[in-house]
Amino acid sequence: MGEAINLVNNFKVEKVIFNCGEYNDLEKELIKILNKKKIKYYSCIKELNIDNNKLYFLQTKEYDNENDNSNVIYTELNGYKYMFMEDAGVTTEKEIQDKYNLPDIDVLKVGHHGSKTSSGKEFINEMNPTYSITGIRFIDKK
């Protein structure tokens, strides 16, 4: 989210999708720019059609924790199942397990950079991913 304003100011952006929940200060600043540039934005959507493909947003409810309100996205492309957990933690993982039947994910982007607050053992075992990806941050200490 930290570079969203930079992206909107420097690239062609047609629409923006926000997580469920209240807007934080950074999101409110972005919305001001979106309104000024007349860019449409949405919050807490369930599906997004892109050509012949569909992204499913799996949030089960609104949490009082911004990370657990992260967009959790599931899609199937070319016969492969993908799930992107963003910053969602074990609470969201449990809710998704209870609501959806999604075993044998081919590619799982693990939640919250693979931190100890996400990617619970039960969730990983049930999703049974072939590949798991975590976000990695590189910090330039110059």
N, C-alpha and C. Protein backbone atom coordinates (compact mmCIF):
# COMPACT_ATOMS: atom_id res chain seq x y z
N MET A 1 0.83 -1.20 0.00
CA MET A 1 0.00 0.00 0.00
C MET A 1 0.86 1.25 0.00
N GLY A 2 2.06 1.15 0.55
CA GLY A 2 2.91 2.32 0.72
C GLY A 2 3.27 3.04 -0.57
N GLU A 3 3.30 2.35 -1.68
CA GLU A 3 3.67 2.97 -2.96
C GLU A 3 2.47 3.18 -3.87
N ALA A 4 1.26 2.99 -3.38
CA ALA A 4 0.07 3.12 -4.22
C ALA A 4 -0.07 4.52 -4.80
N ILE A 5 0.21 5.54 -4.02
CA ILE A 5 0.10 6.92 -4.52
C ILE A 5 1.10 7.14 -5.64
N ASN A 6 2.31 6.65 -5.47
CA ASN A 6 3.34 6.75 -6.51
C ASN A 6 2.87 6.05 -7.79
N LEU A 7 2.30 4.87 -7.66
CA LEU A 7 1.81 4.13 -8.82
C LEU A 7 0.72 4.91 -9.55
N VAL A 8 -0.23 5.44 -8.80
CA VAL A 8 -1.34 6.18 -9.40
C VAL A 8 -0.84 7.45 -10.09
N ASN A 9 0.16 8.08 -9.50
CA ASN A 9 0.69 9.31 -10.07
C ASN A 9 1.58 9.09 -11.29
N ASN A 10 2.12 7.89 -11.45
CA ASN A 10 3.11 7.67 -12.50
C ASN A 10 2.73 6.62 -13.55
N PHE A 11 1.60 5.97 -13.37
CA PHE A 11 1.17 4.95 -14.32
C PHE A 11 -0.33 5.11 -14.59
N LYS A 12 -0.77 4.55 -15.70
CA LYS A 12 -2.20 4.58 -16.00
C LYS A 12 -2.90 3.54 -15.12
N VAL A 13 -3.78 4.00 -14.28
CA VAL A 13 -4.56 3.15 -13.39
C VAL A 13 -6.03 3.42 -13.67
N GLU A 14 -6.77 2.37 -13.95
CA GLU A 14 -8.18 2.55 -14.26
C GLU A 14 -9.09 2.34 -13.06
N LYS A 15 -8.73 1.39 -12.18
CA LYS A 15 -9.56 1.09 -11.02
C LYS A 15 -8.66 0.63 -9.88
N VAL A 16 -9.15 0.82 -8.65
CA VAL A 16 -8.41 0.39 -7.46
C VAL A 16 -9.37 -0.40 -6.58
N ILE A 17 -8.87 -1.47 -5.99
CA ILE A 17 -9.68 -2.30 -5.09
C ILE A 17 -9.04 -2.25 -3.71
N PHE A 18 -9.83 -1.84 -2.73
CA PHE A 18 -9.38 -1.78 -1.34
C PHE A 18 -9.86 -3.01 -0.58
N ASN A 19 -9.20 -3.29 0.54
CA ASN A 19 -9.63 -4.34 1.46
C ASN A 19 -10.98 -3.97 2.06
N CYS A 20 -11.56 -4.93 2.76
CA CYS A 20 -12.73 -4.64 3.59
C CYS A 20 -12.26 -3.82 4.80
N GLY A 21 -13.19 -3.21 5.48
CA GLY A 21 -12.87 -2.48 6.70
C GLY A 21 -12.75 -0.99 6.46
N GLU A 22 -12.54 -0.27 7.55
CA GLU A 22 -12.41 1.18 7.48
C GLU A 22 -11.12 1.56 6.76
N TYR A 23 -11.14 2.70 6.10
CA TYR A 23 -9.94 3.19 5.42
C TYR A 23 -8.96 3.75 6.43
N ASN A 24 -7.68 3.39 6.28
CA ASN A 24 -6.65 3.97 7.13
C ASN A 24 -6.23 5.32 6.55
N ASP A 25 -5.32 6.01 7.21
CA ASP A 25 -4.91 7.35 6.76
C ASP A 25 -4.29 7.33 5.37
N LEU A 26 -3.46 6.34 5.09
CA LEU A 26 -2.83 6.25 3.77
C LEU A 26 -3.87 6.01 2.68
N GLU A 27 -4.85 5.16 2.96
CA GLU A 27 -5.92 4.91 2.00
C GLU A 27 -6.75 6.16 1.77
N LYS A 28 -7.00 6.93 2.82
CA LYS A 28 -7.75 8.18 2.68
C LYS A 28 -7.01 9.17 1.79
N GLU A 29 -5.69 9.24 1.93
CA GLU A 29 -4.88 10.11 1.07
C GLU A 29 -4.95 9.64 -0.38
N LEU A 30 -4.89 8.33 -0.58
CA LEU A 30 -4.99 7.78 -1.93
C LEU A 30 -6.36 8.09 -2.53
N ILE A 31 -7.40 7.98 -1.76
CA ILE A 31 -8.76 8.26 -2.25
C ILE A 31 -8.89 9.70 -2.72
N LYS A 32 -8.25 10.63 -2.03
CA LYS A 32 -8.27 12.04 -2.47
C LYS A 32 -7.69 12.15 -3.88
N ILE A 33 -6.59 11.46 -4.11
CA ILE A 33 -5.95 11.49 -5.43
C ILE A 33 -6.82 10.78 -6.47
N LEU A 34 -7.40 9.64 -6.10
CA LEU A 34 -8.28 8.92 -7.01
C LEU A 34 -9.46 9.80 -7.43
N ASN A 35 -10.05 10.48 -6.47
CA ASN A 35 -11.17 11.36 -6.78
C ASN A 35 -10.73 12.49 -7.71
N LYS A 36 -9.58 13.08 -7.43
CA LYS A 36 -9.06 14.17 -8.25
C LYS A 36 -8.81 13.70 -9.69
N LYS A 37 -8.30 12.47 -9.85
CA LYS A 37 -8.01 11.92 -11.16
C LYS A 37 -9.20 11.18 -11.78
N LYS A 38 -10.32 11.15 -11.05
CA LYS A 38 -11.55 10.48 -11.50
C LYS A 38 -11.30 8.99 -11.78
N ILE A 39 -10.55 8.36 -10.88
CA ILE A 39 -10.29 6.92 -10.96
C ILE A 39 -11.27 6.22 -10.02
N LYS A 40 -11.99 5.24 -10.55
CA LYS A 40 -12.96 4.51 -9.75
C LYS A 40 -12.25 3.61 -8.75
N TYR A 41 -12.87 3.45 -7.59
CA TYR A 41 -12.33 2.53 -6.59
C TYR A 41 -13.48 1.78 -5.92
N TYR A 42 -13.14 0.60 -5.43
CA TYR A 42 -14.11 -0.30 -4.83
C TYR A 42 -13.53 -0.86 -3.53
N SER A 43 -14.40 -1.33 -2.69
CA SER A 43 -13.98 -1.94 -1.43
C SER A 43 -14.80 -3.19 -1.18
N CYS A 44 -14.12 -4.21 -0.67
CA CYS A 44 -14.80 -5.41 -0.19
C CYS A 44 -15.62 -6.11 -1.29
N ILE A 45 -15.00 -6.31 -2.45
CA ILE A 45 -15.71 -6.97 -3.54
C ILE A 45 -15.61 -8.50 -3.38
N LYS A 46 -16.46 -9.22 -4.09
CA LYS A 46 -16.47 -10.68 -4.02
C LYS A 46 -15.82 -11.35 -5.23
N GLU A 47 -15.95 -10.74 -6.41
CA GLU A 47 -15.39 -11.32 -7.63
C GLU A 47 -14.91 -10.22 -8.55
N LEU A 48 -13.94 -10.58 -9.40
CA LEU A 48 -13.45 -9.67 -10.42
C LEU A 48 -13.21 -10.47 -11.68
N ASN A 49 -13.89 -10.09 -12.76
CA ASN A 49 -13.71 -10.76 -14.04
C ASN A 49 -12.63 -10.04 -14.85
N ILE A 50 -11.67 -10.79 -15.33
CA ILE A 50 -10.62 -10.26 -16.20
C ILE A 50 -10.58 -11.17 -17.42
N ASP A 51 -11.06 -10.64 -18.54
CA ASP A 51 -11.21 -11.43 -19.76
C ASP A 51 -12.01 -12.68 -19.43
N ASN A 52 -11.46 -13.87 -19.68
CA ASN A 52 -12.17 -15.12 -19.40
C ASN A 52 -11.81 -15.70 -18.04
N ASN A 53 -11.13 -14.93 -17.22
CA ASN A 53 -10.69 -15.40 -15.91
C ASN A 53 -11.44 -14.67 -14.81
N LYS A 54 -11.52 -15.32 -13.66
CA LYS A 54 -12.22 -14.74 -12.53
C LYS A 54 -11.35 -14.83 -11.28
N LEU A 55 -11.26 -13.71 -10.55
CA LEU A 55 -10.61 -13.70 -9.25
C LEU A 55 -11.71 -13.71 -8.19
N TYR A 56 -11.55 -14.57 -7.20
CA TYR A 56 -12.52 -14.66 -6.10
C TYR A 56 -11.89 -14.08 -4.85
N PHE A 57 -12.58 -13.14 -4.22
CA PHE A 57 -12.11 -12.53 -2.98
C PHE A 57 -12.79 -13.27 -1.84
N LEU A 58 -11.99 -13.93 -1.00
CA LEU A 58 -12.52 -14.91 -0.05
C LEU A 58 -12.76 -14.39 1.36
N GLN A 59 -12.75 -13.10 1.57
CA GLN A 59 -12.98 -12.61 2.92
C GLN A 59 -14.31 -13.15 3.43
N THR A 60 -14.33 -13.55 4.68
CA THR A 60 -15.56 -14.12 5.23
C THR A 60 -16.31 -13.12 6.09
N LYS A 61 -15.61 -12.13 6.61
CA LYS A 61 -16.25 -11.10 7.42
C LYS A 61 -15.26 -9.96 7.62
N GLU A 62 -15.75 -8.90 8.27
CA GLU A 62 -14.87 -7.77 8.55
C GLU A 62 -14.29 -7.92 9.94
N TYR A 63 -12.97 -7.75 10.04
CA TYR A 63 -12.26 -7.90 11.32
C TYR A 63 -11.89 -6.54 11.88
N ASP A 64 -11.51 -6.51 13.14
CA ASP A 64 -11.03 -5.25 13.73
C ASP A 64 -9.51 -5.13 13.58
N ASN A 65 -8.93 -6.03 12.77
CA ASN A 65 -7.48 -6.06 12.54
C ASN A 65 -7.25 -5.82 11.05
N GLU A 66 -6.50 -4.78 10.73
CA GLU A 66 -6.28 -4.41 9.33
C GLU A 66 -5.66 -5.54 8.52
N ASN A 67 -4.73 -6.28 9.10
CA ASN A 67 -4.10 -7.38 8.37
C ASN A 67 -5.10 -8.48 8.02
N ASP A 68 -5.97 -8.80 8.97
CA ASP A 68 -6.96 -9.84 8.70
C ASP A 68 -8.02 -9.39 7.71
N ASN A 69 -8.13 -8.09 7.48
CA ASN A 69 -9.04 -7.57 6.46
C ASN A 69 -8.41 -7.58 5.07
N SER A 70 -7.18 -8.07 4.95
CA SER A 70 -6.51 -8.12 3.65
C SER A 70 -7.33 -8.89 2.64
N ASN A 71 -7.23 -8.46 1.38
CA ASN A 71 -7.87 -9.22 0.31
C ASN A 71 -7.20 -10.58 0.19
N VAL A 72 -7.97 -11.64 0.29
CA VAL A 72 -7.50 -13.00 0.05
C VAL A 72 -8.10 -13.40 -1.29
N ILE A 73 -7.24 -13.71 -2.25
CA ILE A 73 -7.69 -13.92 -3.62
C ILE A 73 -7.38 -15.34 -4.07
N TYR A 74 -8.39 -15.97 -4.68
CA TYR A 74 -8.26 -17.32 -5.23
C TYR A 74 -8.59 -17.25 -6.72
N THR A 75 -7.82 -17.97 -7.53
CA THR A 75 -8.14 -18.07 -8.95
C THR A 75 -7.59 -19.37 -9.51
N GLU A 76 -8.14 -19.76 -10.63
CA GLU A 76 -7.62 -20.91 -11.38
C GLU A 76 -7.25 -20.40 -12.76
N LEU A 77 -6.00 -20.66 -13.16
CA LEU A 77 -5.50 -20.26 -14.48
C LEU A 77 -4.80 -21.43 -15.13
N ASN A 78 -5.22 -21.76 -16.34
CA ASN A 78 -4.59 -22.86 -17.09
C ASN A 78 -4.53 -24.15 -16.29
N GLY A 79 -5.57 -24.41 -15.52
CA GLY A 79 -5.64 -25.65 -14.75
C GLY A 79 -4.89 -25.64 -13.43
N TYR A 80 -4.30 -24.51 -13.05
CA TYR A 80 -3.58 -24.39 -11.79
C TYR A 80 -4.36 -23.51 -10.82
N LYS A 81 -4.33 -23.89 -9.53
CA LYS A 81 -5.03 -23.16 -8.48
C LYS A 81 -4.03 -22.25 -7.74
N TYR A 82 -4.39 -20.98 -7.63
CA TYR A 82 -3.55 -19.98 -6.96
C TYR A 82 -4.34 -19.35 -5.82
N MET A 83 -3.65 -19.12 -4.69
CA MET A 83 -4.25 -18.38 -3.59
C MET A 83 -3.22 -17.38 -3.06
N PHE A 84 -3.69 -16.14 -2.91
CA PHE A 84 -2.84 -15.05 -2.44
C PHE A 84 -3.41 -14.57 -1.11
N MET A 85 -2.66 -14.78 -0.02
CA MET A 85 -3.16 -14.48 1.32
C MET A 85 -2.88 -13.06 1.79
N GLU A 86 -2.10 -12.29 1.06
CA GLU A 86 -1.71 -10.93 1.45
C GLU A 86 -1.21 -10.94 2.89
N ASP A 87 -1.74 -10.08 3.78
CA ASP A 87 -1.26 -10.02 5.17
C ASP A 87 -2.17 -10.74 6.15
N ALA A 88 -3.09 -11.55 5.64
CA ALA A 88 -4.04 -12.25 6.51
C ALA A 88 -3.32 -13.21 7.45
N GLY A 89 -3.85 -13.30 8.67
CA GLY A 89 -3.25 -14.17 9.68
C GLY A 89 -4.06 -15.43 9.91
N VAL A 90 -3.72 -16.14 10.99
CA VAL A 90 -4.33 -17.44 11.27
C VAL A 90 -5.84 -17.34 11.50
N THR A 91 -6.32 -16.21 12.02
CA THR A 91 -7.76 -16.04 12.22
C THR A 91 -8.50 -16.11 10.89
N THR A 92 -7.99 -15.39 9.90
CA THR A 92 -8.60 -15.40 8.57
C THR A 92 -8.43 -16.77 7.92
N GLU A 93 -7.27 -17.37 8.10
CA GLU A 93 -7.05 -18.72 7.54
C GLU A 93 -8.10 -19.69 8.04
N LYS A 94 -8.38 -19.66 9.34
CA LYS A 94 -9.37 -20.56 9.94
C LYS A 94 -10.76 -20.30 9.35
N GLU A 95 -11.13 -19.05 9.21
CA GLU A 95 -12.43 -18.70 8.64
C GLU A 95 -12.54 -19.20 7.20
N ILE A 96 -11.48 -19.07 6.43
CA ILE A 96 -11.49 -19.52 5.04
C ILE A 96 -11.58 -21.04 4.98
N GLN A 97 -10.85 -21.73 5.85
CA GLN A 97 -10.95 -23.20 5.91
C GLN A 97 -12.38 -23.64 6.20
N ASP A 98 -13.04 -22.94 7.13
CA ASP A 98 -14.39 -23.32 7.54
C ASP A 98 -15.42 -23.05 6.44
N LYS A 99 -15.19 -22.03 5.63
CA LYS A 99 -16.20 -21.62 4.64
C LYS A 99 -15.99 -22.24 3.26
N TYR A 100 -14.74 -22.46 2.86
CA TYR A 100 -14.46 -22.92 1.50
C TYR A 100 -13.76 -24.28 1.50
N ASN A 101 -13.94 -25.02 0.43
CA ASN A 101 -13.26 -26.30 0.25
C ASN A 101 -12.21 -26.09 -0.84
N LEU A 102 -10.97 -25.82 -0.43
CA LEU A 102 -9.93 -25.46 -1.40
C LEU A 102 -8.64 -26.28 -1.19
N PRO A 103 -8.73 -27.60 -1.20
CA PRO A 103 -7.50 -28.37 -1.01
C PRO A 103 -6.63 -28.36 -2.26
N ASP A 104 -5.39 -28.72 -2.07
CA ASP A 104 -4.43 -28.91 -3.16
C ASP A 104 -4.24 -27.67 -4.03
N ILE A 105 -3.87 -26.59 -3.37
CA ILE A 105 -3.52 -25.35 -4.06
C ILE A 105 -2.16 -25.57 -4.74
N ASP A 106 -2.05 -25.16 -5.97
CA ASP A 106 -0.77 -25.31 -6.67
C ASP A 106 0.25 -24.27 -6.22
N VAL A 107 -0.19 -23.00 -6.12
CA VAL A 107 0.72 -21.93 -5.71
C VAL A 107 0.03 -21.12 -4.62
N LEU A 108 0.65 -21.06 -3.45
CA LEU A 108 0.14 -20.30 -2.31
C LEU A 108 1.11 -19.19 -1.97
N LYS A 109 0.63 -17.94 -2.06
CA LYS A 109 1.42 -16.82 -1.55
C LYS A 109 1.05 -16.75 -0.08
N VAL A 110 1.96 -17.17 0.79
CA VAL A 110 1.66 -17.29 2.22
C VAL A 110 1.36 -15.92 2.83
N GLY A 111 0.61 -15.93 3.91
CA GLY A 111 0.19 -14.70 4.56
C GLY A 111 1.29 -13.99 5.30
N HIS A 112 1.18 -12.68 5.28
CA HIS A 112 2.03 -11.77 6.07
C HIS A 112 3.51 -12.11 5.99
N HIS A 113 4.00 -12.33 4.77
CA HIS A 113 5.42 -12.57 4.50
C HIS A 113 5.92 -13.84 5.19
N GLY A 114 5.02 -14.76 5.50
CA GLY A 114 5.42 -16.00 6.15
C GLY A 114 5.68 -15.85 7.65
N SER A 115 5.14 -14.80 8.24
CA SER A 115 5.42 -14.53 9.66
C SER A 115 4.75 -15.57 10.56
N LYS A 116 5.10 -15.54 11.84
CA LYS A 116 4.55 -16.50 12.80
C LYS A 116 3.07 -16.25 13.09
N THR A 117 2.53 -15.11 12.63
CA THR A 117 1.11 -14.81 12.85
C THR A 117 0.23 -15.36 11.73
N SER A 118 0.85 -16.02 10.76
CA SER A 118 0.09 -16.56 9.64
C SER A 118 0.67 -17.91 9.23
N SER A 119 0.06 -18.48 8.19
CA SER A 119 0.52 -19.76 7.66
C SER A 119 0.56 -20.83 8.73
N GLY A 120 -0.58 -20.98 9.43
CA GLY A 120 -0.69 -21.99 10.46
C GLY A 120 -0.55 -23.39 9.87
N LYS A 121 -0.05 -24.31 10.68
CA LYS A 121 0.22 -25.67 10.24
C LYS A 121 -1.04 -26.35 9.69
N GLU A 122 -2.17 -26.19 10.38
CA GLU A 122 -3.42 -26.81 9.94
C GLU A 122 -3.84 -26.27 8.58
N PHE A 123 -3.70 -24.97 8.39
CA PHE A 123 -4.06 -24.34 7.12
C PHE A 123 -3.17 -24.85 5.99
N ILE A 124 -1.87 -24.86 6.21
CA ILE A 124 -0.92 -25.33 5.19
C ILE A 124 -1.20 -26.79 4.85
N ASN A 125 -1.43 -27.60 5.87
CA ASN A 125 -1.72 -29.02 5.62
C ASN A 125 -2.99 -29.21 4.79
N GLU A 126 -4.02 -28.42 5.06
CA GLU A 126 -5.26 -28.56 4.31
C GLU A 126 -5.12 -28.03 2.88
N MET A 127 -4.44 -26.90 2.72
CA MET A 127 -4.26 -26.33 1.38
C MET A 127 -3.29 -27.18 0.56
N ASN A 128 -2.36 -27.83 1.23
CA ASN A 128 -1.40 -28.74 0.60
C ASN A 128 -0.77 -28.13 -0.66
N PRO A 129 -0.15 -26.94 -0.52
CA PRO A 129 0.38 -26.28 -1.72
C PRO A 129 1.56 -27.02 -2.32
N THR A 130 1.61 -27.03 -3.66
CA THR A 130 2.78 -27.56 -4.35
C THR A 130 3.95 -26.60 -4.18
N TYR A 131 3.66 -25.30 -4.31
CA TYR A 131 4.66 -24.25 -4.13
C TYR A 131 4.11 -23.20 -3.19
N SER A 132 4.97 -22.68 -2.33
CA SER A 132 4.61 -21.58 -1.45
C SER A 132 5.59 -20.44 -1.70
N ILE A 133 5.05 -19.23 -1.72
CA ILE A 133 5.85 -18.04 -1.98
C ILE A 133 5.64 -17.08 -0.82
N THR A 134 6.71 -16.45 -0.39
CA THR A 134 6.61 -15.42 0.64
C THR A 134 7.16 -14.12 0.07
N GLY A 135 6.62 -13.00 0.53
CA GLY A 135 7.16 -11.71 0.12
C GLY A 135 8.49 -11.47 0.84
N ILE A 136 9.47 -11.03 0.12
CA ILE A 136 10.78 -10.76 0.71
C ILE A 136 11.08 -9.28 0.53
N ARG A 137 11.54 -8.66 1.55
CA ARG A 137 11.90 -7.25 1.47
C ARG A 137 13.42 -7.12 1.57
N PHE A 138 13.97 -6.32 0.70
CA PHE A 138 15.39 -6.01 0.76
C PHE A 138 15.54 -4.57 1.22
N ILE A 139 16.38 -4.37 2.19
CA ILE A 139 16.58 -3.03 2.73
C ILE A 139 17.99 -2.58 2.39
N ASP A 140 18.09 -1.43 1.75
CA ASP A 140 19.37 -0.85 1.42
C ASP A 140 19.82 -0.05 2.62
N LYS A 141 20.89 -0.46 3.26
CA LYS A 141 21.35 0.18 4.49
C LYS A 141 22.39 1.28 4.22
N LYS A 142 22.40 1.83 3.02
CA LYS A 142 23.33 2.92 2.70
C LYS A 142 22.97 4.18 3.42
